[in-house]
Amino acid sequence: MLKEDLLATLSPYITEIIQNNIVISLSTKFETVDIDSLKFISLIVQCEELFNIETNDEDLVINNYNTFDDFISMILRHLNNKNQL
């Protein structure tokens, strides 16, 4: 799955969680989106359920992500690991 495709899949969930109709791209910075730690955890949980993946504790730290590209890369890493099992 390409990053753009994954972002397109997640965009409706992101919009619902942040309660803002902002257009999200891979280069969108987390600091420009109204996403606090609670909303971020909601997004992580949504991804875990949607893609049947498990994230690590280090993945739950919002400061580890500068842009949505960073976040999507983390999800893809978990998807690739899952597919290798």
PDB file of N, CA and C in Angstrom:
ATOM      1  N   MET A   1       0.845  -1.178   0.000  1.00  0.00           N
ATOM      2  CA  MET A   1       0.000   0.000   0.000  1.00  0.00           C
ATOM      3  C   MET A   1       0.894   1.246   0.000  1.00  0.00           C
ATOM      4  N   LEU A   2       0.531   2.193  -0.822  1.00  0.00           N
ATOM      5  CA  LEU A   2       1.273   3.441  -0.897  1.00  0.00           C
ATOM      6  C   LEU A   2       0.846   4.383   0.227  1.00  0.00           C
ATOM      7  N   LYS A   3       1.759   5.266   0.597  1.00  0.00           N
ATOM      8  CA  LYS A   3       1.456   6.235   1.650  1.00  0.00           C
ATOM      9  C   LYS A   3       0.220   7.071   1.314  1.00  0.00           C
ATOM     10  N   GLU A   4       0.123   7.503   0.066  1.00  0.00           N
ATOM     11  CA  GLU A   4      -1.004   8.333  -0.342  1.00  0.00           C
ATOM     12  C   GLU A   4      -2.322   7.585  -0.206  1.00  0.00           C
ATOM     13  N   ASP A   5      -2.305   6.290  -0.556  1.00  0.00           N
ATOM     14  CA  ASP A   5      -3.513   5.471  -0.450  1.00  0.00           C
ATOM     15  C   ASP A   5      -3.915   5.288   1.017  1.00  0.00           C
ATOM     16  N   LEU A   6      -2.935   5.067   1.858  1.00  0.00           N
ATOM     17  CA  LEU A   6      -3.208   4.899   3.279  1.00  0.00           C
ATOM     18  C   LEU A   6      -3.759   6.187   3.875  1.00  0.00           C
ATOM     19  N   LEU A   7      -3.188   7.311   3.496  1.00  0.00           N
ATOM     20  CA  LEU A   7      -3.684   8.592   3.985  1.00  0.00           C
ATOM     21  C   LEU A   7      -5.113   8.832   3.503  1.00  0.00           C
ATOM     22  N   ALA A   8      -5.407   8.479   2.261  1.00  0.00           N
ATOM     23  CA  ALA A   8      -6.767   8.637   1.731  1.00  0.00           C
ATOM     24  C   ALA A   8      -7.755   7.776   2.517  1.00  0.00           C
ATOM     25  N   THR A   9      -7.338   6.589   2.906  1.00  0.00           N
ATOM     26  CA  THR A   9      -8.186   5.709   3.710  1.00  0.00           C
ATOM     27  C   THR A   9      -8.426   6.300   5.091  1.00  0.00           C
ATOM     28  N   LEU A  10      -7.384   6.897   5.672  1.00  0.00           N
ATOM     29  CA  LEU A  10      -7.477   7.423   7.034  1.00  0.00           C
ATOM     30  C   LEU A  10      -8.088   8.820   7.116  1.00  0.00           C
ATOM     31  N   SER A  11      -8.101   9.559   6.048  1.00  0.00           N
ATOM     32  CA  SER A  11      -8.556  10.955   6.075  1.00  0.00           C
ATOM     33  C   SER A  11      -9.930  11.156   6.705  1.00  0.00           C
ATOM     34  N   PRO A  12     -10.933  10.333   6.375  1.00  0.00           N
ATOM     35  CA  PRO A  12     -12.240  10.538   7.029  1.00  0.00           C
ATOM     36  C   PRO A  12     -12.172  10.341   8.547  1.00  0.00           C
ATOM     37  N   TYR A  13     -11.363   9.406   8.999  1.00  0.00           N
ATOM     38  CA  TYR A  13     -11.213   9.163  10.431  1.00  0.00           C
ATOM     39  C   TYR A  13     -10.466  10.322  11.101  1.00  0.00           C
ATOM     40  N   ILE A  14      -9.447  10.809  10.420  1.00  0.00           N
ATOM     41  CA  ILE A  14      -8.682  11.946  10.949  1.00  0.00           C
ATOM     42  C   ILE A  14      -9.594  13.154  11.089  1.00  0.00           C
ATOM     43  N   THR A  15     -10.372  13.435  10.048  1.00  0.00           N
ATOM     44  CA  THR A  15     -11.290  14.568  10.066  1.00  0.00           C
ATOM     45  C   THR A  15     -12.300  14.436  11.200  1.00  0.00           C
ATOM     46  N   GLU A  16     -12.818  13.236  11.391  1.00  0.00           N
ATOM     47  CA  GLU A  16     -13.791  13.009  12.465  1.00  0.00           C
ATOM     48  C   GLU A  16     -13.157  13.205  13.838  1.00  0.00           C
ATOM     49  N   ILE A  17     -11.956  12.698  14.018  1.00  0.00           N
ATOM     50  CA  ILE A  17     -11.288  12.772  15.321  1.00  0.00           C
ATOM     51  C   ILE A  17     -10.883  14.209  15.660  1.00  0.00           C
ATOM     52  N   ILE A  18     -10.318  14.921  14.693  1.00  0.00           N
ATOM     53  CA  ILE A  18      -9.869  16.286  14.994  1.00  0.00           C
ATOM     54  C   ILE A  18     -11.006  17.299  14.889  1.00  0.00           C
ATOM     55  N   GLN A  19     -12.147  16.850  14.364  1.00  0.00           N
ATOM     56  CA  GLN A  19     -13.338  17.683  14.224  1.00  0.00           C
ATOM     57  C   GLN A  19     -13.027  18.978  13.479  1.00  0.00           C
ATOM     58  N   ASN A  20     -12.361  18.796  12.357  1.00  0.00           N
ATOM     59  CA  ASN A  20     -11.960  19.917  11.521  1.00  0.00           C
ATOM     60  C   ASN A  20     -11.920  19.411  10.085  1.00  0.00           C
ATOM     61  N   ASN A  21     -12.428  20.167   9.151  1.00  0.00           N
ATOM     62  CA  ASN A  21     -12.472  19.737   7.758  1.00  0.00           C
ATOM     63  C   ASN A  21     -11.220  20.101   6.975  1.00  0.00           C
ATOM     64  N   ILE A  22     -10.119  20.303   7.666  1.00  0.00           N
ATOM     65  CA  ILE A  22      -8.858  20.630   7.020  1.00  0.00           C
ATOM     66  C   ILE A  22      -8.436  19.489   6.089  1.00  0.00           C
ATOM     67  N   VAL A  23      -7.872  19.847   4.957  1.00  0.00           N
ATOM     68  CA  VAL A  23      -7.360  18.842   4.033  1.00  0.00           C
ATOM     69  C   VAL A  23      -5.975  18.420   4.521  1.00  0.00           C
ATOM     70  N   ILE A  24      -5.841  17.133   4.774  1.00  0.00           N
ATOM     71  CA  ILE A  24      -4.588  16.585   5.300  1.00  0.00           C
ATOM     72  C   ILE A  24      -3.771  16.014   4.144  1.00  0.00           C
ATOM     73  N   SER A  25      -2.512  16.375   4.100  1.00  0.00           N
ATOM     74  CA  SER A  25      -1.579  15.782   3.131  1.00  0.00           C
ATOM     75  C   SER A  25      -0.430  15.166   3.913  1.00  0.00           C
ATOM     76  N   LEU A  26       0.426  14.467   3.223  1.00  0.00           N
ATOM     77  CA  LEU A  26       1.580  13.854   3.892  1.00  0.00           C
ATOM     78  C   LEU A  26       2.479  14.913   4.524  1.00  0.00           C
ATOM     79  N   SER A  27       2.514  16.089   3.938  1.00  0.00           N
ATOM     80  CA  SER A  27       3.394  17.138   4.462  1.00  0.00           C
ATOM     81  C   SER A  27       2.740  17.983   5.560  1.00  0.00           C
ATOM     82  N   THR A  28       1.465  17.721   5.864  1.00  0.00           N
ATOM     83  CA  THR A  28       0.793  18.477   6.917  1.00  0.00           C
ATOM     84  C   THR A  28       1.479  18.213   8.248  1.00  0.00           C
ATOM     85  N   LYS A  29       1.846  19.281   8.915  1.00  0.00           N
ATOM     86  CA  LYS A  29       2.518  19.160  10.208  1.00  0.00           C
ATOM     87  C   LYS A  29       1.483  18.958  11.314  1.00  0.00           C
ATOM     88  N   PHE A  30       1.822  18.105  12.252  1.00  0.00           N
ATOM     89  CA  PHE A  30       0.934  17.852  13.382  1.00  0.00           C
ATOM     90  C   PHE A  30       0.641  19.136  14.146  1.00  0.00           C
ATOM     91  N   GLU A  31       1.611  20.026  14.232  1.00  0.00           N
ATOM     92  CA  GLU A  31       1.429  21.260  15.003  1.00  0.00           C
ATOM     93  C   GLU A  31       0.409  22.200  14.370  1.00  0.00           C
ATOM     94  N   THR A  32       0.110  22.026  13.071  1.00  0.00           N
ATOM     95  CA  THR A  32      -0.864  22.891  12.411  1.00  0.00           C
ATOM     96  C   THR A  32      -2.289  22.353  12.498  1.00  0.00           C
ATOM     97  N   VAL A  33      -2.425  21.152  13.021  1.00  0.00           N
ATOM     98  CA  VAL A  33      -3.732  20.512  13.150  1.00  0.00           C
ATOM     99  C   VAL A  33      -4.098  20.482  14.626  1.00  0.00           C
ATOM    100  N   ASP A  34      -5.342  20.729  14.909  1.00  0.00           N
ATOM    101  CA  ASP A  34      -5.795  20.741  16.299  1.00  0.00           C
ATOM    102  C   ASP A  34      -5.900  19.305  16.815  1.00  0.00           C
ATOM    103  N   ILE A  35      -4.750  18.708  17.120  1.00  0.00           N
ATOM    104  CA  ILE A  35      -4.741  17.333  17.604  1.00  0.00           C
ATOM    105  C   ILE A  35      -3.955  17.288  18.914  1.00  0.00           C
ATOM    106  N   ASP A  36      -4.678  17.055  19.974  1.00  0.00           N
ATOM    107  CA  ASP A  36      -4.031  16.938  21.278  1.00  0.00           C
ATOM    108  C   ASP A  36      -3.735  15.462  21.543  1.00  0.00           C
ATOM    109  N   SER A  37      -3.192  15.158  22.695  1.00  0.00           N
ATOM    110  CA  SER A  37      -2.774  13.785  22.979  1.00  0.00           C
ATOM    111  C   SER A  37      -3.952  12.811  23.015  1.00  0.00           C
ATOM    112  N   LEU A  38      -5.092  13.250  23.495  1.00  0.00           N
ATOM    113  CA  LEU A  38      -6.270  12.376  23.541  1.00  0.00           C
ATOM    114  C   LEU A  38      -6.768  12.053  22.130  1.00  0.00           C
ATOM    115  N   LYS A  39      -6.824  13.062  21.285  1.00  0.00           N
ATOM    116  CA  LYS A  39      -7.223  12.835  19.894  1.00  0.00           C
ATOM    117  C   LYS A  39      -6.206  11.951  19.181  1.00  0.00           C
ATOM    118  N   PHE A  40      -4.946  12.154  19.491  1.00  0.00           N
ATOM    119  CA  PHE A  40      -3.901  11.352  18.875  1.00  0.00           C
ATOM    120  C   PHE A  40      -4.055   9.875  19.258  1.00  0.00           C
ATOM    121  N   ILE A  41      -4.307   9.604  20.527  1.00  0.00           N
ATOM    122  CA  ILE A  41      -4.509   8.214  20.968  1.00  0.00           C
ATOM    123  C   ILE A  41      -5.749   7.635  20.298  1.00  0.00           C
ATOM    124  N   SER A  42      -6.786   8.430  20.132  1.00  0.00           N
ATOM    125  CA  SER A  42      -7.981   7.964  19.417  1.00  0.00           C
ATOM    126  C   SER A  42      -7.641   7.573  17.984  1.00  0.00           C
ATOM    127  N   LEU A  43      -6.783   8.346  17.349  1.00  0.00           N
ATOM    128  CA  LEU A  43      -6.348   8.038  15.988  1.00  0.00           C
ATOM    129  C   LEU A  43      -5.543   6.740  15.952  1.00  0.00           C
ATOM    130  N   ILE A  44      -4.675   6.560  16.918  1.00  0.00           N
ATOM    131  CA  ILE A  44      -3.890   5.321  17.001  1.00  0.00           C
ATOM    132  C   ILE A  44      -4.819   4.115  17.163  1.00  0.00           C
ATOM    133  N   VAL A  45      -5.757   4.220  18.083  1.00  0.00           N
ATOM    134  CA  VAL A  45      -6.699   3.118  18.329  1.00  0.00           C
ATOM    135  C   VAL A  45      -7.506   2.820  17.071  1.00  0.00           C
ATOM    136  N   GLN A  46      -7.949   3.859  16.390  1.00  0.00           N
ATOM    137  CA  GLN A  46      -8.698   3.677  15.146  1.00  0.00           C
ATOM    138  C   GLN A  46      -7.851   2.913  14.122  1.00  0.00           C
ATOM    139  N   CYS A  47      -6.591   3.250  14.001  1.00  0.00           N
ATOM    140  CA  CYS A  47      -5.694   2.566  13.064  1.00  0.00           C
ATOM    141  C   CYS A  47      -5.482   1.111  13.466  1.00  0.00           C
ATOM    142  N   GLU A  48      -5.311   0.881  14.756  1.00  0.00           N
ATOM    143  CA  GLU A  48      -5.128  -0.494  15.238  1.00  0.00           C
ATOM    144  C   GLU A  48      -6.344  -1.350  14.892  1.00  0.00           C
ATOM    145  N   GLU A  49      -7.520  -0.801  15.092  1.00  0.00           N
ATOM    146  CA  GLU A  49      -8.743  -1.549  14.798  1.00  0.00           C
ATOM    147  C   GLU A  49      -8.961  -1.716  13.296  1.00  0.00           C
ATOM    148  N   LEU A  50      -8.746  -0.668  12.560  1.00  0.00           N
ATOM    149  CA  LEU A  50      -8.978  -0.680  11.118  1.00  0.00           C
ATOM    150  C   LEU A  50      -8.046  -1.637  10.389  1.00  0.00           C
ATOM    151  N   PHE A  51      -6.784  -1.662  10.811  1.00  0.00           N
ATOM    152  CA  PHE A  51      -5.781  -2.460  10.105  1.00  0.00           C
ATOM    153  C   PHE A  51      -5.346  -3.712  10.863  1.00  0.00           C
ATOM    154  N   ASN A  52      -5.963  -3.933  12.027  1.00  0.00           N
ATOM    155  CA  ASN A  52      -5.635  -5.102  12.844  1.00  0.00           C
ATOM    156  C   ASN A  52      -4.127  -5.167  13.129  1.00  0.00           C
ATOM    157  N   ILE A  53      -3.606  -4.059  13.658  1.00  0.00           N
ATOM    158  CA  ILE A  53      -2.193  -3.983  14.024  1.00  0.00           C
ATOM    159  C   ILE A  53      -2.085  -3.630  15.500  1.00  0.00           C
ATOM    160  N   GLU A  54      -0.907  -3.820  16.056  1.00  0.00           N
ATOM    161  CA  GLU A  54      -0.617  -3.403  17.421  1.00  0.00           C
ATOM    162  C   GLU A  54       0.581  -2.466  17.377  1.00  0.00           C
ATOM    163  N   THR A  55       0.415  -1.316  18.010  1.00  0.00           N
ATOM    164  CA  THR A  55       1.513  -0.353  18.059  1.00  0.00           C
ATOM    165  C   THR A  55       2.314  -0.547  19.342  1.00  0.00           C
ATOM    166  N   ASN A  56       3.494   0.045  19.361  1.00  0.00           N
ATOM    167  CA  ASN A  56       4.368  -0.010  20.526  1.00  0.00           C
ATOM    168  C   ASN A  56       4.164   1.235  21.378  1.00  0.00           C
ATOM    169  N   ASP A  57       4.678   1.190  22.594  1.00  0.00           N
ATOM    170  CA  ASP A  57       4.587   2.357  23.477  1.00  0.00           C
ATOM    171  C   ASP A  57       5.226   3.590  22.846  1.00  0.00           C
ATOM    172  N   GLU A  58       6.341   3.408  22.166  1.00  0.00           N
ATOM    173  CA  GLU A  58       7.024   4.551  21.550  1.00  0.00           C
ATOM    174  C   GLU A  58       6.192   5.180  20.433  1.00  0.00           C
ATOM    175  N   ASP A  59       5.283   4.400  19.845  1.00  0.00           N
ATOM    176  CA  ASP A  59       4.417   4.926  18.796  1.00  0.00           C
ATOM    177  C   ASP A  59       3.332   5.845  19.343  1.00  0.00           C
ATOM    178  N   LEU A  60       3.124   5.792  20.648  1.00  0.00           N
ATOM    179  CA  LEU A  60       2.054   6.562  21.282  1.00  0.00           C
ATOM    180  C   LEU A  60       2.479   7.971  21.690  1.00  0.00           C
ATOM    181  N   VAL A  61       3.709   8.331  21.385  1.00  0.00           N
ATOM    182  CA  VAL A  61       4.226   9.649  21.763  1.00  0.00           C
ATOM    183  C   VAL A  61       4.058  10.593  20.569  1.00  0.00           C
ATOM    184  N   ILE A  62       3.152  11.531  20.710  1.00  0.00           N
ATOM    185  CA  ILE A  62       2.824  12.429  19.594  1.00  0.00           C
ATOM    186  C   ILE A  62       4.044  13.231  19.134  1.00  0.00           C
ATOM    187  N   ASN A  63       4.959  13.513  20.034  1.00  0.00           N
ATOM    188  CA  ASN A  63       6.153  14.286  19.677  1.00  0.00           C
ATOM    189  C   ASN A  63       7.111  13.528  18.763  1.00  0.00           C
ATOM    190  N   ASN A  64       6.861  12.243  18.552  1.00  0.00           N
ATOM    191  CA  ASN A  64       7.685  11.455  17.630  1.00  0.00           C
ATOM    192  C   ASN A  64       7.332  11.728  16.165  1.00  0.00           C
ATOM    193  N   TYR A  65       6.280  12.505  15.950  1.00  0.00           N
ATOM    194  CA  TYR A  65       5.791  12.745  14.592  1.00  0.00           C
ATOM    195  C   TYR A  65       5.795  14.230  14.282  1.00  0.00           C
ATOM    196  N   ASN A  66       6.459  14.584  13.225  1.00  0.00           N
ATOM    197  CA  ASN A  66       6.472  15.963  12.772  1.00  0.00           C
ATOM    198  C   ASN A  66       5.342  16.199  11.771  1.00  0.00           C
ATOM    199  N   THR A  67       5.190  15.266  10.845  1.00  0.00           N
ATOM    200  CA  THR A  67       4.174  15.385   9.796  1.00  0.00           C
ATOM    201  C   THR A  67       3.344  14.104   9.733  1.00  0.00           C
ATOM    202  N   PHE A  68       2.273  14.164   8.943  1.00  0.00           N
ATOM    203  CA  PHE A  68       1.466  12.958   8.751  1.00  0.00           C
ATOM    204  C   PHE A  68       2.243  11.905   7.968  1.00  0.00           C
ATOM    205  N   ASP A  69       3.234  12.317   7.217  1.00  0.00           N
ATOM    206  CA  ASP A  69       4.103  11.350   6.544  1.00  0.00           C
ATOM    207  C   ASP A  69       4.798  10.469   7.586  1.00  0.00           C
ATOM    208  N   ASP A  70       5.260  11.057   8.662  1.00  0.00           N
ATOM    209  CA  ASP A  70       5.891  10.287   9.736  1.00  0.00           C
ATOM    210  C   ASP A  70       4.899   9.296  10.338  1.00  0.00           C
ATOM    211  N   PHE A  71       3.686   9.756  10.562  1.00  0.00           N
ATOM    212  CA  PHE A  71       2.653   8.906  11.159  1.00  0.00           C
ATOM    213  C   PHE A  71       2.287   7.755  10.218  1.00  0.00           C
ATOM    214  N   ILE A  72       2.070   8.062   8.950  1.00  0.00           N
ATOM    215  CA  ILE A  72       1.716   7.047   7.956  1.00  0.00           C
ATOM    216  C   ILE A  72       2.853   6.037   7.809  1.00  0.00           C
ATOM    217  N   SER A  73       4.083   6.499   7.882  1.00  0.00           N
ATOM    218  CA  SER A  73       5.241   5.585   7.813  1.00  0.00           C
ATOM    219  C   SER A  73       5.214   4.586   8.963  1.00  0.00           C
ATOM    220  N   MET A  74       4.834   5.047  10.138  1.00  0.00           N
ATOM    221  CA  MET A  74       4.739   4.149  11.288  1.00  0.00           C
ATOM    222  C   MET A  74       3.654   3.098  11.058  1.00  0.00           C
ATOM    223  N   ILE A  75       2.501   3.508  10.561  1.00  0.00           N
ATOM    224  CA  ILE A  75       1.418   2.561  10.288  1.00  0.00           C
ATOM    225  C   ILE A  75       1.862   1.555   9.232  1.00  0.00           C
ATOM    226  N   LEU A  76       2.500   2.026   8.182  1.00  0.00           N
ATOM    227  CA  LEU A  76       2.986   1.126   7.128  1.00  0.00           C
ATOM    228  C   LEU A  76       4.009   0.132   7.666  1.00  0.00           C
ATOM    229  N   ARG A  77       4.868   0.589   8.569  1.00  0.00           N
ATOM    230  CA  ARG A  77       5.853  -0.308   9.169  1.00  0.00           C
ATOM    231  C   ARG A  77       5.144  -1.460   9.893  1.00  0.00           C
ATOM    232  N   HIS A  78       4.111  -1.137  10.636  1.00  0.00           N
ATOM    233  CA  HIS A  78       3.369  -2.176  11.354  1.00  0.00           C
ATOM    234  C   HIS A  78       2.604  -3.087  10.390  1.00  0.00           C
ATOM    235  N   LEU A  79       2.065  -2.526   9.333  1.00  0.00           N
ATOM    236  CA  LEU A  79       1.384  -3.345   8.331  1.00  0.00           C
ATOM    237  C   LEU A  79       2.360  -4.301   7.647  1.00  0.00           C
ATOM    238  N   ASN A  80       3.544  -3.803   7.312  1.00  0.00           N
ATOM    239  CA  ASN A  80       4.552  -4.657   6.685  1.00  0.00           C
ATOM    240  C   ASN A  80       5.022  -5.750   7.627  1.00  0.00           C
ATOM    241  N   ASN A  81       5.210  -5.413   8.899  1.00  0.00           N
ATOM    242  CA  ASN A  81       5.603  -6.424   9.879  1.00  0.00           C
ATOM    243  C   ASN A  81       4.525  -7.482  10.035  1.00  0.00           C
ATOM    244  N   LYS A  82       3.279  -7.063  10.037  1.00  0.00           N
ATOM    245  CA  LYS A  82       2.156  -7.993  10.160  1.00  0.00           C
ATOM    246  C   LYS A  82       2.114  -8.940   8.963  1.00  0.00           C
ATOM    247  N   ASN A  83       2.362  -8.393   7.778  1.00  0.00           N
ATOM    248  CA  ASN A  83       2.311  -9.216   6.556  1.00  0.00           C
ATOM    249  C   ASN A  83       3.486 -10.175   6.439  1.00  0.00           C
ATOM    250  N   GLN A  84       4.551  -9.912   7.187  1.00  0.00           N
ATOM    251  CA  GLN A  84       5.716 -10.806   7.152  1.00  0.00           C
ATOM    252  C   GLN A  84       5.549 -12.006   8.064  1.00  0.00           C
ATOM    253  N   LEU A  85       4.586 -11.940   8.977  1.00  0.00           N
ATOM    254  CA  LEU A  85       4.368 -13.044   9.931  1.00  0.00           C
ATOM    255  C   LEU A  85       3.659 -14.188   9.278  1.00  0.00           C
TER     256      LEU A  85
END
